Amino acid sequence: MSVVCFAAEDPARLNIFNVGDAMTNRGWSLASLQFPAAIHICVTMVHTREGVDAKFVSDLRDVRPRPSPATPLPAPLATRECTAR
């Protein structure tokens, strides 16, 4: 199992939580994170089946333009990276 985390490059223009909700509506199981605002997916054997990766990327591209603008995060949070500690 691996965990892949991603966030909006510009949280003032893209609400990552809306992206997560839209992906959930498409059947993906993503978890929301905060401080910094991000979402993650636990990649398991199910995700290694043929075509699953392409479907995930396709769905992510489809939902990305639709989210509404987010409330800007305070500067320290907007600049932090999503990293394991």
Protein backbone atom coordinates (compact mmCIF):
# COMPACT_ATOMS: atom_id res chain seq x y z
CA MET A 1 0.00 0.00 0.00
CA SER A 2 1.13 3.52 -0.77
CA VAL A 3 -0.44 6.85 0.10
CA VAL A 4 -0.43 9.61 -2.50
CA CYS A 5 -1.26 13.11 -1.30
CA PHE A 6 -1.95 16.14 -3.43
CA ALA A 7 -3.01 19.73 -2.95
CA ALA A 8 -3.88 22.74 -5.06
CA GLU A 9 -0.90 24.70 -6.30
CA ASP A 10 -2.95 27.86 -5.75
CA PRO A 11 -5.59 27.25 -3.04
CA ALA A 12 -7.13 30.66 -3.77
CA ARG A 13 -8.10 29.42 -7.25
CA LEU A 14 -8.89 25.75 -6.62
CA ASN A 15 -10.70 24.25 -3.64
CA ILE A 16 -9.08 20.85 -3.24
CA PHE A 17 -11.94 19.66 -1.04
CA ASN A 18 -14.37 20.20 -3.92
CA VAL A 19 -12.08 18.08 -6.08
CA GLY A 20 -12.21 15.34 -3.43
CA ASP A 21 -16.00 15.52 -3.26
CA ALA A 22 -16.29 15.33 -7.04
CA MET A 23 -13.99 12.30 -7.14
CA THR A 24 -16.03 10.64 -4.38
CA ASN A 25 -19.13 11.20 -6.52
CA ARG A 26 -17.33 9.26 -9.26
CA GLY A 27 -16.72 6.32 -6.93
CA TRP A 28 -13.20 7.03 -5.72
CA SER A 29 -12.35 6.81 -2.03
CA LEU A 30 -10.22 9.83 -1.16
CA ALA A 31 -9.57 11.28 2.27
CA SER A 32 -9.39 14.97 3.12
CA LEU A 33 -6.46 16.43 5.03
CA GLN A 34 -5.96 19.82 6.56
CA PHE A 35 -2.98 21.98 7.48
CA PRO A 36 -2.23 22.02 4.58
CA ALA A 37 -5.48 21.48 2.73
CA ALA A 38 -5.02 18.34 0.64
CA ILE A 39 -6.57 15.03 -0.33
CA HIS A 40 -4.99 11.61 -0.47
CA ILE A 41 -5.63 8.18 -1.87
CA CYS A 42 -4.38 4.91 -0.42
CA VAL A 43 -3.13 2.97 -3.43
CA THR A 44 -3.75 -0.75 -2.99
CA MET A 45 -3.69 -3.85 -5.21
CA VAL A 46 -7.14 -2.91 -6.56
CA HIS A 47 -5.60 0.22 -8.07
CA THR A 48 -3.00 -1.85 -9.97
CA ARG A 49 -5.62 -3.50 -12.18
CA GLU A 50 -5.39 -2.63 -15.85
CA GLY A 51 -6.96 0.71 -16.68
CA VAL A 52 -7.62 1.86 -13.11
CA ASP A 53 -4.77 4.37 -13.17
CA ALA A 54 -5.92 5.84 -16.47
CA LYS A 55 -9.51 6.09 -15.19
CA PHE A 56 -8.35 7.89 -12.03
CA VAL A 57 -6.32 10.44 -14.02
CA SER A 58 -9.17 10.89 -16.50
CA ASP A 59 -11.69 11.49 -13.71
CA LEU A 60 -9.31 13.87 -11.96
CA ARG A 61 -8.86 15.89 -15.15
CA ASP A 62 -12.63 15.96 -15.68
CA VAL A 63 -13.41 17.34 -12.21
CA ARG A 64 -10.49 19.75 -11.89
CA PRO A 65 -11.95 22.74 -13.78
CA ARG A 66 -15.32 22.64 -12.05
CA PRO A 67 -14.52 23.40 -8.39
CA SER A 68 -15.40 26.83 -7.08
CA PRO A 69 -12.74 29.18 -5.74
CA ALA A 70 -11.63 28.49 -2.20
CA THR A 71 -11.34 30.93 0.63
CA PRO A 72 -7.64 31.83 0.62
CA LEU A 73 -5.62 30.07 3.27
CA PRO A 74 -3.32 32.00 5.59
CA ALA A 75 0.09 32.41 3.96
CA PRO A 76 1.97 29.85 6.12
CA LEU A 77 -0.51 27.13 5.17
CA ALA A 78 -0.59 28.01 1.50
CA THR A 79 3.16 27.51 1.20
CA ARG A 80 3.57 24.26 3.12
CA GLU A 81 4.09 21.05 1.22
CA CYS A 82 2.26 17.82 1.85
CA THR A 83 4.98 15.63 3.32
CA ALA A 84 5.08 12.73 5.73
CA ARG A 85 6.72 13.33 9.05
